[in-house]
């Protein structure tokens, strides 16, 4: 069993089909079936159960595959110790937790996955964790979001970690609510008008302002994006402070976004990457898309 065989096993698990895995790996199905049989014989137990709907891992096979994925990640980490080592068809990025950021990544993935096989890792995390992941070689490109006033702080950290730091955009946060919210028809919303409503708060922001119990009626904390959307559409008197949203997201959930006077916060987004890292074609294309998108926004 060699490293390619481990990659083959992980691909079979990913697609739950030997024939589809063989197609993705550009090898014949009989050849892949033979390799699978040889690997199973060498370790002494079956990795997969064959069913009418494909293959599923056995209990011991699931443990084997977990170790296999760890081995592949460790090999990637070893390769990235050499900044000039080019690893093709891989994309590892960190982004802020938001529907807008993830939609941006999803659109890019769709554009590049139509004609090639790519290994991708998309991590949603706060700004400091993003810096750590890029510094440790666990990701190559990151977008961070932070409160206005923290630019120098993150720029100094990026410089210390030998990362390129590039400002992308800044904006005021918006109020997100269902179109049937009592305030949805208001042209202007003042902060004191929110006191009778339920605030949904993202639970792990890098900076949470001091809360005044009198500002809103109650608060719900959650980090799950789908939970936030469900709450906004179900609890019609709820609202959420958020970054400006994509129109597709607003239409999908029947939401509107509003500006607010008297209680706004400004945020900044910045791009981070290791300029010593030899970027592959996918990484370079993703970097170009980020810069082009923010050029249009500005």
Foldseek 3Di string as FASTA:
>chain_A
DDLVLLVLLLLCQVVLALCVSCVQVVHHSVVNVVSQVVVCVVVVHHQWDQDPVHTHGDPVNVVVNVVSVVVVLVVQLVQVVQQAREDPQEAEEEEAQDPAVVVLVVVLCVVPVPPHHHHYHYHHDADVVRLVCQLSVVHFKYKHKDFPPCVVVVVVSLVVSQKDKFWQDKDKWWKKAACPAPCNPPQAAEQQVQAAAEEEEAADYPDDDDDDCRRHVYYHYDNDPVVVLVCRLPVRRYIYTGHDDDPVVCVVSRMDIHHYPPDITMMIMMMIGNPSHDYYPSHVVSVVSSNVVSVVVD
